[in-house]
Amino acid sequence: MTLKRIGCMGSVAGLVWMLSSCSSGPLDGPLTTFAIHDLDQVTASELDVLKRAQPETTRDRRESVAALPQAPTVEDYVQLALSRNLAIVAAQERVLRTRERIAQVTSLDDPMLSIAPFGDMAETAAGSVAVMTSLSQRLPYPGKLDVRGRIVEQDVAIAEQDLERIRLGVIADTRRAYWNLYYSVRAIEVTERNRDLLNRVREVVSAKLRTGATSQESALRVSVELNNLENELITLRQNRITAAAMLNSLIDQPVETALADPGSIQLSQLDLQLDSLLAAAESSSPELQSVREQIARFREQREQARLNRFPDFTVGVTYNLVNDHGLSMAANGQDQWWFSFGANLPIWTSRLDAAEREATRGLVETAARLGNERNRIAFRVQDALTRVQTQQRQVILLRDVIVPEAEKTVEASLSGYRAGNVGFLNLIDNWRKLLSFQLMYESSLASLERSVAELEQVVGQDVQRDAAGPEIKP
């Protein structure tokens, strides 16, 4: 939201200044200065948030995050995102803001003080009335303030579940961005290794060309393939920049900040069962918990509607100051005072009936939403689990069988081509297959981790990983 300076109400309090938009000029000073001058009791952490929320034109572009180790892992980025991501900060502040409503709704209304200091006052036997005063206080029916507080407490609980949902989303987005960066880096390394391998082929082709053992077409084909690799590297490097920018944005630092390349990882064996995952989602999913809190809120709302059928009370005291002279010769100037008692009459039952029906229909609505949310989460868990299991099998097959055999095939083809036993087209075809399988392996590995991140987001907690398998090196 862009803050506007008002030019027509300069003497109005800071809150009105912040909300008004009758002038089109932007706020001159930074948000931190504005907060110091116009907000009370701003903590150091809140000032830091206001500073980081400023546009990049006023922020220090040299700001960087020094909390990352030299070779950060995905969990290092996750922890940093949890501490710095502004979406999480906003959700946390929403919880705190909603909690402040509890004291507001559970407090009594302000007492009413009435003073009539002048006018055509009453004349009494005790003397003429000089000043009339009264003080009254409205007292809600017992239980009404408590139920109002419980309704807001449910709003707080709903906000807390929304915070948890955002937190899980940030964790999943951070992991996905990290694995996108991982794949871009590994794909660049794989492509560069294959470029080196293709340069070896070009040396063999050049040697054969000098002896007349091959045609110029073979040399041109190698040159074309090398140019294709350079073109692919341009795209992969662009993808790396994009992945790093996304990761930087999630940890709230300038998008162009240089990030270290992800290191080697280990493939964990994931023995996941659908029943246990669904049970975990039932107890941990913030989407399900939020609907349950809404059901509880409608129960309290129905109780509030029931209590509204009972009257509220008003108690008061009146005191009149009487002069010691008046029309009567016996005027003694004795002041008047008395207590009063009143109550509203909740007789318009159609309004009260509608309020109870609204709460009841809200219960039915949220119960249906709970069932629908269970079905939706069950599908997402099943879908993510299937992808995890499939991609895990693909990674193992590519790592242990397909890629090693493709590497041996290329080496054998290169040796055979040198000896004249293998044709050039077969060599290039085998080399292309090796490149494709190596990129497929890195892509499957990154996709596996992204699918695990999505599964953990849906379930609402980290999945259990078994002992790590052999180290996977780039």
Protein backbone atom coordinates (compact mmCIF):
# COMPACT_ATOMS: atom_id res chain seq x y z
CA MET A 1 0.00 0.00 0.00
CA THR A 2 1.41 3.42 -0.94
CA LEU A 3 1.32 5.93 1.87
CA LYS A 4 0.00 9.38 0.89
CA ARG A 5 0.59 12.75 2.51
CA ILE A 6 -2.50 14.78 3.06
CA GLY A 7 -2.27 18.46 2.46
CA CYS A 8 -5.66 19.55 3.69
CA MET A 9 -5.64 18.19 7.25
CA GLY A 10 -2.14 18.82 8.56
CA SER A 11 -3.25 19.14 12.15
CA VAL A 12 -5.11 15.82 12.28
CA ALA A 13 -3.55 12.95 14.23
CA GLY A 14 -1.03 10.61 12.61
CA LEU A 15 -3.51 7.79 12.03
CA VAL A 16 -5.72 10.02 9.89
CA TRP A 17 -2.61 11.21 8.06
CA MET A 18 -1.66 7.61 7.31
CA LEU A 19 -5.09 6.62 5.98
CA SER A 20 -6.06 9.75 4.11
CA SER A 21 -5.38 10.14 0.40
CA CYS A 22 -6.67 13.57 -0.52
CA SER A 23 -3.23 14.58 -1.83
CA SER A 24 -1.35 12.76 -4.57
CA GLY A 25 2.14 13.46 -3.26
CA PRO A 26 4.14 10.53 -1.81
CA LEU A 27 5.38 10.38 1.73
CA ASP A 28 8.72 12.18 1.79
CA GLY A 29 10.58 10.52 4.63
CA PRO A 30 11.44 6.83 5.04
CA LEU A 31 9.02 4.54 6.84
CA THR A 32 11.34 4.24 9.83
CA THR A 33 11.27 8.01 10.42
CA PHE A 34 7.52 8.03 9.96
CA ALA A 35 7.15 5.24 12.52
CA ILE A 36 9.31 6.98 15.10
CA HIS A 37 7.28 10.18 14.82
CA ASP A 38 3.80 8.77 14.45
CA LEU A 39 3.63 5.35 16.10
CA ASP A 40 3.95 4.62 19.81
CA GLN A 41 5.98 1.82 21.36
CA VAL A 42 7.65 0.60 18.16
CA THR A 43 10.14 -2.16 18.99
CA ALA A 44 13.52 -2.63 17.35
CA SER A 45 12.28 -5.68 15.44
CA GLU A 46 9.26 -3.74 14.16
CA LEU A 47 11.51 -0.91 13.00
CA ASP A 48 13.64 -3.49 11.18
CA VAL A 49 10.53 -4.78 9.40
CA LEU A 50 9.53 -1.24 8.42
CA LYS A 51 13.02 -0.65 7.09
CA ARG A 52 13.03 -3.85 5.05
CA ALA A 53 9.55 -3.07 3.70
CA GLN A 54 10.73 0.16 2.09
CA PRO A 55 11.14 0.36 -1.70
CA GLU A 56 14.53 -0.59 -3.05
CA THR A 57 15.09 3.05 -4.01
CA THR A 58 15.34 3.93 -0.30
CA ARG A 59 16.83 0.68 0.96
CA ASP A 60 20.54 0.06 1.08
CA ARG A 61 21.16 -2.04 -2.01
CA ARG A 62 24.39 -3.30 -0.46
CA GLU A 63 22.47 -5.03 2.31
CA SER A 64 23.20 -8.76 2.37
CA VAL A 65 22.49 -11.69 4.60
CA ALA A 66 25.59 -12.79 6.49
CA ALA A 67 23.85 -15.64 8.31
CA LEU A 68 24.49 -18.18 5.53
CA PRO A 69 27.44 -20.55 5.91
CA GLN A 70 30.05 -20.81 3.19
CA ALA A 71 28.38 -23.87 1.64
CA PRO A 72 24.69 -23.45 2.56
CA THR A 73 22.31 -26.38 2.38
CA VAL A 74 18.63 -26.27 1.61
CA GLU A 75 17.81 -26.26 5.33
CA ASP A 76 20.09 -23.25 5.86
CA TYR A 77 17.99 -21.32 3.37
CA VAL A 78 14.79 -22.59 4.99
CA GLN A 79 15.82 -21.36 8.43
CA LEU A 80 16.81 -17.98 7.02
CA ALA A 81 13.51 -17.67 5.16
CA LEU A 82 11.57 -18.49 8.32
CA SER A 83 13.33 -15.67 10.17
CA ARG A 84 13.27 -13.03 7.42
CA ASN A 85 10.42 -13.68 4.98
CA LEU A 86 8.03 -10.73 5.09
CA ALA A 87 4.96 -12.82 4.29
CA ILE A 88 5.56 -14.70 7.55
CA VAL A 89 6.16 -11.43 9.41
CA ALA A 90 2.87 -10.05 8.07
CA ALA A 91 0.98 -13.18 9.18
CA GLN A 92 2.59 -12.99 12.63
CA GLU A 93 1.53 -9.37 12.97
CA ARG A 94 -1.99 -10.30 11.91
CA VAL A 95 -2.16 -12.80 14.77
CA LEU A 96 -0.96 -10.16 17.23
CA ARG A 97 -3.32 -7.56 15.78
CA THR A 98 -6.31 -9.90 16.06
CA ARG A 99 -5.39 -10.78 19.65
CA GLU A 100 -5.63 -7.09 20.58
CA ARG A 101 -9.37 -7.25 19.86
CA ILE A 102 -9.99 -9.54 22.85
CA ALA A 103 -9.62 -6.75 25.40
CA GLN A 104 -11.78 -4.50 23.24
CA VAL A 105 -14.77 -6.81 22.97
CA THR A 106 -14.65 -8.04 26.59
CA SER A 107 -14.59 -4.57 28.12
CA LEU A 108 -17.65 -2.76 29.37
CA ASP A 109 -18.98 0.18 27.40
CA ASP A 110 -17.84 3.57 28.60
CA PRO A 111 -20.06 4.98 31.36
CA MET A 112 -22.29 7.88 30.32
CA LEU A 113 -21.99 11.17 32.20
CA SER A 114 -24.63 13.81 31.60
CA ILE A 115 -24.48 17.40 32.92
CA ALA A 116 -27.11 20.13 32.40
CA PRO A 117 -25.51 23.31 33.80
CA PHE A 118 -27.97 25.89 32.49
CA GLY A 119 -31.45 26.26 31.03
CA ASP A 120 -35.02 26.52 32.28
CA MET A 121 -34.52 24.24 35.29
CA ALA A 122 -37.25 22.78 37.46
CA GLU A 123 -38.61 24.70 40.44
CA THR A 124 -39.22 22.51 43.49
CA ALA A 125 -40.39 23.10 47.02
CA ALA A 126 -36.79 22.67 48.13
CA GLY A 127 -35.63 25.40 45.74
CA SER A 128 -34.71 25.85 42.09
CA VAL A 129 -32.50 23.24 40.41
CA ALA A 130 -29.15 24.78 39.46
CA VAL A 131 -27.29 21.82 37.84
CA MET A 132 -28.58 18.39 36.78
CA THR A 133 -26.13 15.48 36.56
CA SER A 134 -26.42 11.77 35.93
CA LEU A 135 -24.00 8.86 35.56
CA SER A 136 -25.03 5.53 34.02
CA GLN A 137 -23.32 2.26 33.08
CA ARG A 138 -24.55 -0.42 30.70
CA LEU A 139 -24.03 -3.98 32.01
CA PRO A 140 -24.37 -6.85 29.50
CA TYR A 141 -26.23 -9.98 30.49
CA PRO A 142 -23.87 -12.42 32.27
CA GLY A 143 -21.88 -14.45 29.75
CA LYS A 144 -22.17 -12.05 26.81
CA LEU A 145 -18.73 -10.51 27.23
CA ASP A 146 -17.16 -13.93 27.70
CA VAL A 147 -18.66 -15.28 24.49
CA ARG A 148 -17.52 -12.21 22.58
CA GLY A 149 -13.99 -12.87 23.82
CA ARG A 150 -14.19 -16.54 22.83
CA ILE A 151 -15.28 -15.57 19.31
CA VAL A 152 -12.23 -13.35 18.92
CA GLU A 153 -10.06 -16.10 20.40
CA GLN A 154 -11.30 -18.33 17.57
CA ASP A 155 -10.38 -15.57 15.12
CA VAL A 156 -6.90 -15.61 16.66
CA ALA A 157 -6.74 -19.39 16.26
CA ILE A 158 -7.80 -19.07 12.61
CA ALA A 159 -5.11 -16.43 12.06
CA GLU A 160 -2.55 -18.74 13.68
CA GLN A 161 -3.49 -21.53 11.28
CA ASP A 162 -3.17 -19.09 8.40
CA LEU A 163 0.28 -18.21 9.72
CA GLU A 164 1.18 -21.90 9.78
CA ARG A 165 -0.13 -22.31 6.22
CA ILE A 166 2.02 -19.38 5.04
CA ARG A 167 5.02 -20.73 6.96
CA LEU A 168 4.69 -24.13 5.29
CA GLY A 169 4.27 -22.43 1.92
CA VAL A 170 7.45 -20.41 2.41
CA ILE A 171 9.33 -23.57 3.41
CA ALA A 172 8.08 -25.42 0.32
CA ASP A 173 8.79 -22.46 -1.99
CA THR A 174 12.29 -22.11 -0.57
CA ARG A 175 13.02 -25.78 -1.08
CA ARG A 176 11.61 -25.70 -4.61
CA ALA A 177 13.70 -22.63 -5.47
CA TYR A 178 16.80 -24.30 -4.01
CA TRP A 179 16.28 -27.44 -6.07
CA ASN A 180 15.65 -25.36 -9.19
CA LEU A 181 19.00 -23.71 -8.51
CA TYR A 182 20.54 -27.13 -7.87
CA TYR A 183 19.33 -28.48 -11.21
CA SER A 184 20.50 -25.39 -13.12
CA VAL A 185 23.99 -25.66 -11.62
CA ARG A 186 24.23 -29.42 -12.19
CA ALA A 187 22.86 -29.13 -15.74
CA ILE A 188 25.50 -26.52 -16.52
CA GLU A 189 28.23 -28.81 -15.15
CA VAL A 190 26.90 -31.81 -17.10
CA THR A 191 26.72 -29.80 -20.31
CA GLU A 192 30.24 -28.44 -19.84
CA ARG A 193 31.59 -31.96 -19.21
CA ASN A 194 29.92 -33.17 -22.39
CA ARG A 195 31.35 -30.18 -24.25
CA ASP A 196 34.80 -31.33 -23.14
CA LEU A 197 33.95 -34.84 -24.29
CA LEU A 198 32.80 -33.49 -27.65
CA ASN A 199 36.06 -31.57 -27.98
CA ARG A 200 37.86 -34.89 -27.62
CA VAL A 201 35.71 -36.22 -30.45
CA ARG A 202 36.58 -33.19 -32.56
CA GLU A 203 40.29 -33.87 -32.03
CA VAL A 204 39.81 -37.44 -33.29
CA VAL A 205 37.75 -36.19 -36.26
CA SER A 206 40.41 -33.61 -37.11
CA ALA A 207 43.11 -36.26 -37.01
CA LYS A 208 41.07 -38.51 -39.31
CA LEU A 209 40.31 -35.58 -41.60
CA ARG A 210 44.02 -34.88 -42.06
CA THR A 211 44.60 -38.48 -43.11
CA GLY A 212 41.52 -38.57 -45.31
CA ALA A 213 39.87 -41.23 -43.16
CA THR A 214 36.70 -39.14 -42.74
CA SER A 215 34.80 -36.44 -44.56
CA GLN A 216 34.41 -32.72 -43.93
CA GLU A 217 30.77 -33.40 -43.03
CA SER A 218 31.85 -35.07 -39.77
CA ALA A 219 33.85 -32.01 -38.74
CA LEU A 220 30.91 -29.74 -39.55
CA ARG A 221 28.56 -31.96 -37.52
CA VAL A 222 30.86 -31.72 -34.49
CA SER A 223 30.99 -27.94 -34.87
CA VAL A 224 27.18 -27.77 -35.03
CA GLU A 225 26.84 -29.88 -31.89
CA LEU A 226 29.32 -27.67 -30.02
CA ASN A 227 27.36 -24.57 -31.00
CA ASN A 228 24.16 -26.25 -29.83
CA LEU A 229 25.78 -26.89 -26.45
CA GLU A 230 26.77 -23.22 -26.17
CA ASN A 231 23.19 -22.25 -26.91
CA GLU A 232 21.92 -24.66 -24.26
CA LEU A 233 24.41 -23.25 -21.75
CA ILE A 234 23.05 -19.75 -22.35
CA THR A 235 19.54 -20.95 -21.41
CA LEU A 236 20.78 -22.90 -18.39
CA ARG A 237 22.72 -19.90 -17.06
CA GLN A 238 19.64 -17.75 -17.46
CA ASN A 239 17.66 -20.35 -15.49
CA ARG A 240 20.29 -20.26 -12.76
CA ILE A 241 19.93 -16.49 -12.43
CA THR A 242 16.14 -16.85 -12.19
CA ALA A 243 16.36 -19.58 -9.54
CA ALA A 244 18.84 -17.57 -7.48
CA ALA A 245 16.64 -14.47 -7.72
CA MET A 246 13.65 -16.43 -6.44
CA LEU A 247 15.69 -17.79 -3.54
CA ASN A 248 16.96 -14.30 -2.71
CA SER A 249 13.44 -12.90 -2.69
CA LEU A 250 12.28 -15.59 -0.27
CA ILE A 251 15.04 -14.71 2.22
CA ASP A 252 14.44 -10.97 1.67
CA GLN A 253 17.72 -9.89 0.20
CA PRO A 254 18.48 -8.15 -3.14
CA VAL A 255 17.61 -10.46 -6.02
CA GLU A 256 21.01 -10.01 -7.66
CA THR A 257 22.94 -11.16 -4.57
CA ALA A 258 25.40 -13.89 -5.52
CA LEU A 259 24.63 -17.30 -4.03
CA ALA A 260 27.00 -20.22 -3.61
CA ASP A 261 26.44 -23.23 -5.85
CA PRO A 262 24.71 -26.13 -4.09
CA GLY A 263 27.07 -28.92 -3.15
CA SER A 264 26.76 -32.66 -3.46
CA ILE A 265 23.82 -34.37 -1.77
CA GLN A 266 22.82 -37.80 -0.60
CA LEU A 267 19.74 -39.61 -1.84
CA SER A 268 17.66 -40.59 1.18
CA GLN A 269 15.54 -43.69 1.04
CA LEU A 270 11.90 -42.71 1.56
CA ASP A 271 9.67 -45.54 2.73
CA LEU A 272 6.36 -43.67 2.89
CA GLN A 273 2.91 -45.13 3.54
CA LEU A 274 -0.30 -43.44 2.44
CA ASP A 275 -2.21 -44.25 5.65
CA SER A 276 0.44 -42.71 7.91
CA LEU A 277 0.68 -39.62 5.70
CA LEU A 278 -3.09 -39.13 5.73
CA ALA A 279 -3.12 -39.51 9.52
CA ALA A 280 -0.35 -36.92 9.81
CA ALA A 281 -2.25 -34.54 7.54
CA GLU A 282 -5.40 -34.99 9.61
CA SER A 283 -3.60 -33.77 12.71
CA SER A 284 -1.14 -31.27 11.24
CA SER A 285 -2.64 -29.73 8.11
CA PRO A 286 -3.31 -26.02 8.79
CA GLU A 287 -6.09 -26.05 6.19
CA LEU A 288 -8.00 -28.69 8.18
CA GLN A 289 -7.21 -27.04 11.50
CA SER A 290 -8.45 -23.69 10.19
CA VAL A 291 -11.82 -25.17 9.22
CA ARG A 292 -12.11 -26.82 12.63
CA GLU A 293 -11.46 -23.45 14.29
CA GLN A 294 -14.16 -21.91 12.11
CA ILE A 295 -16.59 -24.61 13.26
CA ALA A 296 -15.77 -23.72 16.87
CA ARG A 297 -16.26 -20.05 16.05
CA PHE A 298 -19.77 -20.68 14.68
CA ARG A 299 -20.61 -22.60 17.85
CA GLU A 300 -19.62 -19.56 19.90
CA GLN A 301 -21.52 -17.32 17.49
CA ARG A 302 -24.65 -19.41 18.02
CA GLU A 303 -24.19 -19.13 21.77
CA GLN A 304 -23.88 -15.38 21.38
CA ALA A 305 -27.11 -15.31 19.38
CA ARG A 306 -28.85 -17.28 22.16
CA LEU A 307 -27.58 -14.91 24.86
CA ASN A 308 -28.81 -11.91 22.88
CA ARG A 309 -32.35 -13.02 23.75
CA PHE A 310 -31.66 -11.88 27.31
CA PRO A 311 -31.72 -8.18 28.20
CA ASP A 312 -28.78 -6.00 29.08
CA PHE A 313 -29.05 -3.75 32.12
CA THR A 314 -28.31 -0.11 32.76
CA VAL A 315 -27.71 1.24 36.25
CA GLY A 316 -27.34 4.91 37.02
CA VAL A 317 -27.29 7.60 39.64
CA THR A 318 -28.71 11.12 39.29
CA TYR A 319 -27.69 14.11 41.35
CA ASN A 320 -29.30 17.55 41.11
CA LEU A 321 -27.79 20.62 42.76
CA VAL A 322 -30.60 22.71 44.27
CA ASN A 323 -30.36 26.40 45.24
CA ASP A 324 -31.40 27.37 48.76
CA HIS A 325 -33.97 29.87 47.50
CA GLY A 326 -37.03 29.35 45.38
CA LEU A 327 -40.71 30.13 44.96
CA SER A 328 -41.57 28.47 48.24
CA MET A 329 -40.74 30.35 51.42
CA ALA A 330 -39.88 26.98 52.95
CA ALA A 331 -37.15 26.28 50.41
CA ASN A 332 -34.21 24.64 52.15
CA GLY A 333 -31.85 24.06 49.18
CA GLN A 334 -31.63 20.32 49.82
CA ASP A 335 -29.99 18.60 46.82
CA GLN A 336 -31.76 15.75 45.00
CA TRP A 337 -30.32 12.34 44.17
CA TRP A 338 -31.59 8.90 43.25
CA PHE A 339 -30.57 5.59 41.68
CA SER A 340 -32.08 4.24 38.46
CA PHE A 341 -32.29 0.82 36.86
CA GLY A 342 -33.22 -0.08 33.26
CA ALA A 343 -33.07 -2.87 30.73
CA ASN A 344 -33.49 -3.22 26.99
CA LEU A 345 -36.38 -5.35 25.77
CA PRO A 346 -35.31 -7.94 23.14
CA ILE A 347 -38.80 -8.36 21.72
CA TRP A 348 -38.01 -8.33 18.00
CA THR A 349 -37.59 -12.08 17.78
CA SER A 350 -37.29 -12.24 13.99
CA ARG A 351 -33.86 -10.64 14.20
CA LEU A 352 -32.82 -12.96 17.02
CA ASP A 353 -34.12 -16.04 15.21
CA ALA A 354 -32.22 -15.05 12.06
CA ALA A 355 -28.98 -14.69 14.04
CA GLU A 356 -29.32 -18.22 15.44
CA ARG A 357 -30.17 -19.63 12.01
CA GLU A 358 -27.14 -17.88 10.52
CA ALA A 359 -24.85 -19.50 13.07
CA THR A 360 -26.45 -22.91 12.54
CA ARG A 361 -26.07 -22.64 8.77
CA GLY A 362 -22.47 -21.61 9.31
CA LEU A 363 -21.90 -24.83 11.24
CA VAL A 364 -23.37 -26.90 8.42
CA GLU A 365 -21.35 -24.94 5.85
CA THR A 366 -18.03 -25.42 7.62
CA ALA A 367 -18.76 -29.10 8.30
CA ALA A 368 -19.20 -29.58 4.55
CA ARG A 369 -16.03 -27.60 3.91
CA LEU A 370 -14.16 -29.82 6.35
CA GLY A 371 -15.20 -32.93 4.46
CA ASN A 372 -14.32 -31.35 1.12
CA GLU A 373 -10.95 -30.21 2.48
CA ARG A 374 -10.22 -33.76 3.67
CA ASN A 375 -10.95 -35.10 0.19
CA ARG A 376 -8.80 -32.43 -1.47
CA ILE A 377 -5.86 -33.05 0.86
CA ALA A 378 -6.17 -36.82 0.47
CA PHE A 379 -5.88 -36.39 -3.30
CA ARG A 380 -2.88 -34.06 -2.98
CA VAL A 381 -1.16 -36.49 -0.61
CA GLN A 382 -1.82 -39.43 -2.95
CA ASP A 383 -0.66 -37.45 -5.99
CA ALA A 384 2.53 -36.18 -4.33
CA LEU A 385 3.30 -39.62 -2.87
CA THR A 386 2.93 -41.28 -6.27
CA ARG A 387 5.29 -38.76 -7.84
CA VAL A 388 7.82 -39.21 -5.03
CA GLN A 389 7.81 -42.99 -5.38
CA THR A 390 8.02 -42.85 -9.18
CA GLN A 391 10.81 -40.27 -9.23
CA GLN A 392 12.75 -42.15 -6.57
CA ARG A 393 12.73 -45.27 -8.73
CA GLN A 394 13.76 -43.21 -11.77
CA VAL A 395 16.68 -41.61 -9.93
CA ILE A 396 18.00 -44.96 -8.71
CA LEU A 397 17.63 -46.53 -12.15
CA LEU A 398 19.36 -43.64 -13.89
CA ARG A 399 22.14 -43.45 -11.29
CA ASP A 400 22.90 -47.15 -10.98
CA VAL A 401 22.13 -48.52 -14.47
CA ILE A 402 21.35 -46.18 -17.34
CA VAL A 403 23.97 -43.42 -16.91
CA PRO A 404 26.90 -45.81 -16.18
CA GLU A 405 26.01 -47.93 -19.21
CA ALA A 406 25.67 -44.86 -21.41
CA GLU A 407 29.10 -43.64 -20.28
CA LYS A 408 30.64 -47.03 -21.12
CA THR A 409 28.90 -47.00 -24.50
CA VAL A 410 30.32 -43.59 -25.40
CA GLU A 411 33.85 -44.58 -24.36
CA ALA A 412 33.57 -47.78 -26.38
CA SER A 413 32.18 -45.88 -29.36
CA LEU A 414 35.01 -43.35 -29.20
CA SER A 415 37.61 -46.10 -29.06
CA GLY A 416 35.87 -47.92 -31.91
CA TYR A 417 35.71 -44.73 -33.98
CA ARG A 418 39.44 -44.20 -33.53
CA ALA A 419 40.00 -47.76 -34.74
CA GLY A 420 37.56 -47.36 -37.60
CA ASN A 421 35.11 -49.94 -36.30
CA VAL A 422 32.28 -47.55 -35.34
CA GLY A 423 30.67 -44.98 -37.61
CA PHE A 424 30.69 -41.29 -36.79
CA LEU A 425 26.89 -41.03 -36.62
CA ASN A 426 26.72 -43.86 -34.10
CA LEU A 427 29.30 -42.08 -31.94
CA ILE A 428 27.37 -38.79 -32.01
CA ASP A 429 24.09 -40.59 -31.34
CA ASN A 430 25.55 -42.38 -28.30
CA TRP A 431 27.05 -39.11 -27.05
CA ARG A 432 23.67 -37.35 -27.37
CA LYS A 433 21.98 -40.15 -25.43
CA LEU A 434 24.56 -39.85 -22.66
CA LEU A 435 23.96 -36.11 -22.38
CA SER A 436 20.19 -36.68 -22.32
CA PHE A 437 20.42 -39.37 -19.63
CA GLN A 438 22.74 -37.30 -17.43
CA LEU A 439 20.43 -34.28 -17.64
CA MET A 440 17.44 -36.56 -17.01
CA TYR A 441 19.13 -37.88 -13.89
CA GLU A 442 19.76 -34.39 -12.49
CA SER A 443 16.23 -33.31 -13.41
CA SER A 444 14.69 -36.38 -11.78
CA LEU A 445 16.71 -35.83 -8.61
CA ALA A 446 15.61 -32.19 -8.36
CA SER A 447 12.02 -33.14 -9.18
CA LEU A 448 12.10 -35.79 -6.45
CA GLU A 449 13.12 -33.22 -3.85
CA ARG A 450 10.51 -30.73 -5.09
CA SER A 451 7.83 -33.41 -4.82
CA VAL A 452 8.97 -34.24 -1.28
CA ALA A 453 8.71 -30.53 -0.44
CA GLU A 454 5.16 -30.43 -1.79
CA LEU A 455 4.24 -33.58 0.13
CA GLU A 456 5.56 -32.06 3.36
CA GLN A 457 3.61 -28.88 2.67
CA VAL A 458 0.35 -30.81 2.23
CA VAL A 459 0.92 -33.07 5.23
CA GLY A 460 1.95 -30.16 7.43
CA GLN A 461 5.17 -31.70 8.73
CA ASP A 462 8.47 -33.12 7.49
CA VAL A 463 8.41 -36.70 6.26
CA GLN A 464 10.63 -39.32 7.83
CA ARG A 465 13.75 -40.11 5.85
CA ASP A 466 15.62 -43.38 6.30
CA ALA A 467 19.39 -43.71 6.40
CA ALA A 468 21.03 -41.93 3.50
CA GLY A 469 22.22 -43.95 0.55
CA PRO A 470 25.45 -43.46 -1.39
CA GLU A 471 26.61 -39.88 -1.86
CA ILE A 472 25.42 -38.31 -5.07
CA LYS A 473 28.19 -36.21 -6.54
CA PRO A 474 27.76 -33.70 -9.35
